[in-house]
Amino acid sequence: MKRMKSASIILASGSPRRKQLLEQIDLKFQVIPSQIHEDFNIDLKPQKFVEHYAEKKAKDVAKQYGDKWVIGADTVVVYHSEILGKPKDEKDSFRMLKMLSGHTHKVYTGVSIQHREKMISDTFHDCTNVTFNTLSDSIISYYIDTYKPFDKAGSYGIQDWFSVCVYRIDGCFYNVMGFPLSKFYSHFSKYLDLNQ
């Protein structure tokens, strides 16, 4: 992808993983986190939930930067129709991992690309199935105590030590990290003149 000036693209997320992933594909950008927070009580299907909040986050920042490309994202873990965001505390973290142990769940990430001056609003999502090994209480406690996954949807990071607990994934690995790179690239690249 053609490198654009960092002032031209804004990532409306403070997630270090999303920052890392966008840097991985040679995208130049600045980080301006949105002030929007999810309300898990709203009645939306998971794919609509992540699209809704990805778009709200991007538009929240875009309203101040109408001449910039603004990228918002939102990730949740879903098991038996329950949407799991970031755990509230250690007890909630343990509950989530115990629930997911030995089972397959879905990870949804919504992405929104906004440019107010160009009147572009492009919002989409990706979904990956993730299956965990059966986890002992001691493994769960070790992970929580050592890695403190309180800033991660579903209370785990597939890219850290917890990778040894993942039996298989079906879909985009980077989607589980919080940003579906391939799908994003296919959407975003069509707006850029790569020959410039």
Protein backbone atom coordinates (compact mmCIF):
# COMPACT_ATOMS: atom_id res chain seq x y z
CA MET A 1 0.00 0.00 0.00
CA LYS A 2 1.26 3.47 -0.85
CA ARG A 3 2.48 5.23 2.27
CA MET A 4 0.34 8.26 3.01
CA LYS A 5 1.37 11.13 5.24
CA SER A 6 0.65 10.30 8.87
CA ALA A 7 -1.51 13.42 9.14
CA SER A 8 -3.86 11.96 6.48
CA ILE A 9 -4.96 8.88 8.44
CA ILE A 10 -6.20 8.61 12.03
CA LEU A 11 -6.69 5.43 14.03
CA ALA A 12 -9.55 6.17 16.43
CA SER A 13 -8.38 3.51 18.88
CA GLY A 14 -5.88 3.35 21.71
CA SER A 15 -5.37 -0.40 21.23
CA PRO A 16 -1.66 -1.22 21.00
CA ARG A 17 -2.54 -4.33 18.98
CA ARG A 18 -4.41 -2.37 16.32
CA LYS A 19 -1.56 0.12 16.15
CA GLN A 20 0.91 -2.73 15.67
CA LEU A 21 -1.19 -4.36 12.95
CA LEU A 22 -1.62 -1.17 10.91
CA GLU A 23 2.12 -0.53 11.17
CA GLN A 24 2.66 -4.10 9.95
CA ILE A 25 1.09 -3.20 6.58
CA ASP A 26 3.19 -0.01 6.23
CA LEU A 27 0.31 2.36 6.94
CA LYS A 28 1.35 5.76 8.26
CA PHE A 29 -1.15 7.20 10.73
CA GLN A 30 -1.65 9.03 13.98
CA VAL A 31 -3.57 7.70 16.97
CA ILE A 32 -6.48 9.73 18.36
CA PRO A 33 -8.64 7.44 20.52
CA SER A 34 -12.39 7.88 20.45
CA GLN A 35 -14.23 8.70 23.67
CA ILE A 36 -17.11 6.35 22.80
CA HIS A 37 -17.70 3.39 25.14
CA GLU A 38 -19.85 0.33 24.47
CA ASP A 39 -23.20 -0.24 26.12
CA PHE A 40 -23.61 -4.01 26.25
CA ASN A 41 -27.29 -3.65 27.10
CA ILE A 42 -28.27 -2.48 23.62
CA ASP A 43 -30.24 -5.08 21.68
CA LEU A 44 -28.10 -5.75 18.60
CA LYS A 45 -26.80 -8.95 17.03
CA PRO A 46 -23.02 -9.30 17.47
CA GLN A 47 -22.14 -8.36 13.89
CA LYS A 48 -24.34 -5.27 14.11
CA PHE A 49 -23.01 -4.45 17.59
CA VAL A 50 -19.38 -4.27 16.44
CA GLU A 51 -20.29 -2.37 13.26
CA HIS A 52 -22.38 0.08 15.29
CA TYR A 53 -19.57 0.89 17.70
CA ALA A 54 -16.80 0.87 15.11
CA GLU A 55 -18.79 3.47 13.17
CA LYS A 56 -19.63 5.52 16.27
CA LYS A 57 -15.96 5.60 17.28
CA ALA A 58 -14.78 6.61 13.81
CA LYS A 59 -17.45 9.29 13.44
CA ASP A 60 -16.70 10.64 16.92
CA VAL A 61 -13.16 11.46 15.81
CA ALA A 62 -14.03 12.30 12.19
CA LYS A 63 -16.33 15.15 13.22
CA GLN A 64 -13.21 17.03 14.35
CA TYR A 65 -11.06 15.98 11.36
CA GLY A 66 -13.24 16.20 8.28
CA ASP A 67 -10.31 16.16 5.86
CA LYS A 68 -8.76 12.95 7.28
CA TRP A 69 -9.33 9.24 6.86
CA VAL A 70 -10.53 7.95 10.23
CA ILE A 71 -10.50 4.25 11.09
CA GLY A 72 -12.58 2.90 13.96
CA ALA A 73 -12.82 -0.67 15.22
CA ASP A 74 -14.61 -2.73 17.85
CA THR A 75 -14.07 -6.37 18.87
CA VAL A 76 -16.20 -8.74 20.94
CA VAL A 77 -16.17 -12.43 21.79
CA VAL A 78 -19.48 -14.28 21.53
CA TYR A 79 -20.41 -17.60 23.15
CA HIS A 80 -23.97 -18.96 23.18
CA SER A 81 -25.29 -15.53 22.18
CA GLU A 82 -23.57 -13.78 25.11
CA ILE A 83 -21.40 -10.88 24.01
CA LEU A 84 -18.19 -10.71 26.01
CA GLY A 85 -16.26 -7.47 26.04
CA LYS A 86 -13.33 -6.67 28.31
CA PRO A 87 -13.52 -8.22 31.79
CA LYS A 88 -14.40 -5.93 34.68
CA ASP A 89 -11.95 -7.56 37.10
CA GLU A 90 -10.12 -10.81 37.91
CA LYS A 91 -13.33 -12.61 38.86
CA ASP A 92 -14.99 -11.65 35.58
CA SER A 93 -11.85 -12.65 33.68
CA PHE A 94 -11.87 -16.09 35.31
CA ARG A 95 -15.59 -16.50 34.56
CA MET A 96 -15.07 -15.75 30.88
CA LEU A 97 -12.12 -18.12 30.41
CA LYS A 98 -13.85 -20.89 32.37
CA MET A 99 -16.92 -20.48 30.17
CA LEU A 100 -14.88 -20.66 26.96
CA SER A 101 -12.73 -23.60 28.11
CA GLY A 102 -13.05 -26.62 25.80
CA HIS A 103 -15.51 -24.88 23.50
CA THR A 104 -15.69 -22.94 20.24
CA HIS A 105 -16.65 -19.28 20.30
CA LYS A 106 -16.82 -16.49 17.74
CA VAL A 107 -14.77 -13.31 17.58
CA TYR A 108 -16.35 -10.40 15.72
CA THR A 109 -14.50 -7.25 14.77
CA GLY A 110 -16.25 -4.30 13.18
CA VAL A 111 -14.25 -1.76 11.19
CA SER A 112 -15.40 1.64 9.96
CA ILE A 113 -13.63 3.89 7.45
CA GLN A 114 -14.83 7.50 7.50
CA HIS A 115 -13.92 10.58 5.46
CA ARG A 116 -16.37 13.43 5.92
CA GLU A 117 -15.17 15.70 3.10
CA LYS A 118 -15.18 12.84 0.59
CA MET A 119 -18.55 11.65 1.99
CA ILE A 120 -17.21 8.14 2.45
CA SER A 121 -18.66 5.91 5.17
CA ASP A 122 -17.68 2.25 4.84
CA THR A 123 -18.44 -0.10 7.74
CA PHE A 124 -18.04 -3.88 7.75
CA HIS A 125 -17.14 -6.80 10.02
CA ASP A 126 -15.30 -10.10 10.06
CA CYS A 127 -15.86 -13.22 12.14
CA THR A 128 -13.45 -15.94 13.27
CA ASN A 129 -14.22 -19.17 15.12
CA VAL A 130 -11.80 -19.97 17.95
CA THR A 131 -11.65 -23.29 19.84
CA PHE A 132 -9.93 -23.54 23.23
CA ASN A 133 -8.35 -26.58 24.83
CA THR A 134 -9.92 -27.62 28.13
CA LEU A 135 -8.31 -25.32 30.69
CA SER A 136 -7.61 -26.19 34.32
CA ASP A 137 -8.36 -23.63 37.01
CA SER A 138 -4.61 -23.33 37.68
CA ILE A 139 -3.87 -22.52 34.02
CA ILE A 140 -6.59 -19.86 33.98
CA SER A 141 -5.34 -18.34 37.24
CA TYR A 142 -1.73 -18.38 36.02
CA TYR A 143 -2.68 -16.57 32.84
CA ILE A 144 -4.74 -13.93 34.61
CA ASP A 145 -2.14 -13.34 37.32
CA THR A 146 0.78 -13.17 34.89
CA TYR A 147 -0.68 -11.45 31.82
CA LYS A 148 -3.58 -9.46 33.31
CA PRO A 149 -5.77 -9.59 30.18
CA PHE A 150 -8.23 -6.95 31.37
CA ASP A 151 -7.93 -4.84 28.22
CA LYS A 152 -8.85 -7.71 25.89
CA ALA A 153 -12.28 -8.86 24.69
CA GLY A 154 -13.01 -12.31 26.08
CA SER A 155 -10.10 -11.88 28.50
CA TYR A 156 -7.37 -13.38 26.34
CA GLY A 157 -4.79 -12.44 23.75
CA ILE A 158 -4.24 -15.01 21.02
CA GLN A 159 -0.83 -13.45 20.29
CA ASP A 160 0.59 -13.87 23.81
CA TRP A 161 1.23 -16.87 26.12
CA PHE A 162 -2.41 -17.86 25.80
CA SER A 163 -1.66 -19.15 22.29
CA VAL A 164 -0.79 -22.52 23.92
CA CYS A 165 -4.43 -22.78 25.04
CA VAL A 166 -5.91 -22.34 21.55
CA TYR A 167 -6.71 -25.64 19.84
CA ARG A 168 -7.66 -24.16 16.46
CA ILE A 169 -8.96 -21.12 14.67
CA ASP A 170 -11.16 -20.94 11.58
CA GLY A 171 -10.88 -17.57 9.87
CA CYS A 172 -8.63 -14.53 10.09
CA PHE A 173 -6.04 -14.71 12.89
CA TYR A 174 -5.62 -10.92 12.91
CA ASN A 175 -9.36 -10.51 13.39
CA VAL A 176 -8.94 -12.26 16.75
CA MET A 177 -6.18 -9.78 17.63
CA GLY A 178 -8.68 -7.00 16.95
CA PHE A 179 -8.27 -5.98 13.32
CA PRO A 180 -8.98 -8.07 10.17
CA LEU A 181 -6.07 -6.89 8.03
CA SER A 182 -6.95 -8.59 4.75
CA LYS A 183 -10.58 -7.45 4.74
CA PHE A 184 -9.56 -3.93 5.79
CA TYR A 185 -6.97 -3.74 3.00
CA SER A 186 -9.49 -4.83 0.36
CA HIS A 187 -11.85 -2.05 1.48
CA PHE A 188 -9.38 0.76 2.12
CA SER A 189 -7.11 0.27 -0.90
CA LYS A 190 -9.96 0.95 -3.33
CA TYR A 191 -10.12 4.54 -2.06
CA LEU A 192 -6.44 5.24 -2.67
CA ASP A 193 -4.62 5.98 -5.89
CA LEU A 194 -1.74 3.57 -5.50
CA ASN A 195 0.00 4.95 -8.59
CA GLN A 196 0.52 8.42 -7.16
